[in-house]
Protein backbone atom coordinates (compact mmCIF):
# COMPACT_ATOMS: atom_id res chain seq x y z
CA UNK A 1 -1.59 -23.66 1.56
CA UNK A 2 -5.24 -22.67 1.12
CA UNK A 3 -5.89 -25.37 -1.49
CA UNK A 4 -8.29 -23.32 -3.27
CA UNK A 5 -10.25 -22.19 -0.23
CA UNK A 6 -11.45 -18.95 -1.72
CA UNK A 7 -12.26 -20.23 -5.25
CA UNK A 8 -15.86 -19.60 -4.65
CA UNK A 9 -15.57 -16.35 -2.54
CA UNK A 10 -14.93 -13.52 -4.97
CA UNK A 11 -14.90 -10.23 -3.48
CA UNK A 12 -17.45 -7.51 -4.53
CA UNK A 13 -15.48 -4.70 -3.15
CA UNK A 14 -11.97 -3.27 -3.80
CA UNK A 15 -9.26 -3.17 -1.36
CA UNK A 16 -8.32 0.26 0.25
CA UNK A 17 -5.21 0.56 -1.50
CA UNK A 18 -7.00 0.32 -4.89
CA UNK A 19 -9.67 2.83 -3.84
CA UNK A 20 -7.02 5.31 -2.83
CA UNK A 21 -4.99 4.71 -6.13
CA UNK A 22 -7.97 5.25 -8.18
CA UNK A 23 -8.68 8.60 -6.39
CA UNK A 24 -5.43 9.56 -7.60
CA UNK A 25 -6.01 8.79 -11.18
CA UNK A 26 -4.29 5.40 -11.58
CA UNK A 27 -5.93 3.08 -13.90
CA UNK A 28 -6.06 -0.44 -12.99
CA UNK A 29 -5.32 -3.04 -15.80
CA UNK A 30 -6.60 -6.05 -14.04
CA UNK A 31 -5.38 -8.55 -11.26
CA UNK A 32 -2.59 -10.93 -11.44
CA UNK A 33 -1.71 -14.33 -10.07
CA UNK A 34 0.21 -14.57 -6.86
CA UNK A 35 1.65 -16.84 -4.32
CA UNK A 36 -1.25 -18.22 -2.11
CA UNK A 37 -1.84 -15.72 0.71
CA UNK A 38 0.90 -13.66 -0.38
CA UNK A 39 3.23 -15.87 1.70
CA UNK A 40 5.70 -17.26 -0.57
CA UNK A 41 8.68 -15.89 -2.85
CA UNK A 42 8.47 -18.05 -5.69
CA UNK A 43 5.19 -17.51 -7.52
CA UNK A 44 3.75 -21.08 -7.13
CA UNK A 45 -0.13 -21.03 -6.60
CA UNK A 46 -1.73 -24.67 -6.21
CA UNK A 47 -5.05 -23.24 -7.88
CA UNK A 48 -3.48 -21.38 -10.96
CA UNK A 49 -0.22 -23.11 -11.41
CA UNK A 50 3.17 -21.65 -11.54
CA UNK A 51 3.71 -17.95 -12.92
CA UNK A 52 6.25 -17.95 -15.72
CA UNK A 53 9.13 -15.51 -15.92
CA UNK A 54 9.16 -13.92 -19.25
CA UNK A 55 12.73 -13.02 -19.12
CA UNK A 56 14.28 -16.06 -17.70
CA UNK A 57 11.88 -19.06 -18.37
CA UNK A 58 14.26 -21.52 -16.44
CA UNK A 59 13.69 -19.21 -13.14
CA UNK A 60 10.68 -18.67 -11.12
CA UNK A 61 9.50 -14.83 -11.25
CA UNK A 62 9.97 -14.33 -7.35
CA UNK A 63 8.18 -12.17 -5.01
CA UNK A 64 4.71 -12.67 -3.35
CA UNK A 65 3.17 -10.54 -6.07
CA UNK A 66 5.00 -12.55 -8.92
CA UNK A 67 2.17 -12.21 -11.63
CA UNK A 68 2.62 -8.38 -11.42
CA UNK A 69 6.51 -8.90 -11.53
CA UNK A 70 5.81 -10.85 -14.68
CA UNK A 71 3.49 -8.25 -16.31
CA UNK A 72 5.96 -5.52 -15.78
CA UNK A 73 8.71 -7.67 -16.90
CA UNK A 74 6.68 -8.56 -20.10
CA UNK A 75 6.07 -4.95 -20.75
CA UNK A 76 2.16 -5.16 -20.18
CA UNK A 77 2.55 -2.32 -17.77
CA UNK A 78 4.81 0.02 -16.27
CA UNK A 79 4.37 -0.11 -12.53
CA UNK A 80 3.37 -2.96 -9.93
CA UNK A 81 3.05 -3.14 -6.31
CA UNK A 82 5.93 -4.30 -4.59
CA UNK A 83 6.37 -6.57 -1.51
CA UNK A 84 9.07 -8.74 -2.09
CA UNK A 85 12.09 -8.02 -4.61
CA UNK A 86 11.84 -9.42 -8.06
CA UNK A 87 15.32 -9.69 -9.16
CA UNK A 88 14.52 -13.11 -10.92
CA UNK A 89 12.85 -10.99 -13.78
CA UNK A 90 15.97 -9.04 -14.20
CA UNK A 91 15.22 -5.98 -12.06
CA UNK A 92 17.56 -5.05 -9.17
CA UNK A 93 16.36 -4.15 -5.78
CA UNK A 94 15.40 -0.50 -6.20
CA UNK A 95 14.82 -0.28 -9.67
CA UNK A 96 12.01 1.57 -11.51
CA UNK A 97 10.69 -0.31 -14.51
């Protein structure tokens, strides 16, 4: 898709959602890998590679924010921003991790 288009273009500002979450006291742990442009549902990124599913290694993580899904499923954090369901990691549609 983007074929690494933005590899040299790293933002020096937070997104509005990050700013608002920080104002509410949320502590950001970091950023995670995702489908290029948040357009996919499998966790494939040509620049960073495939996001591995910690619970089911033979399956993709699923979701546009698949790195976040993998982080929660692996127990690295307790919440994630959800855009596409992440049932491939073992969490049903409306489950709170």
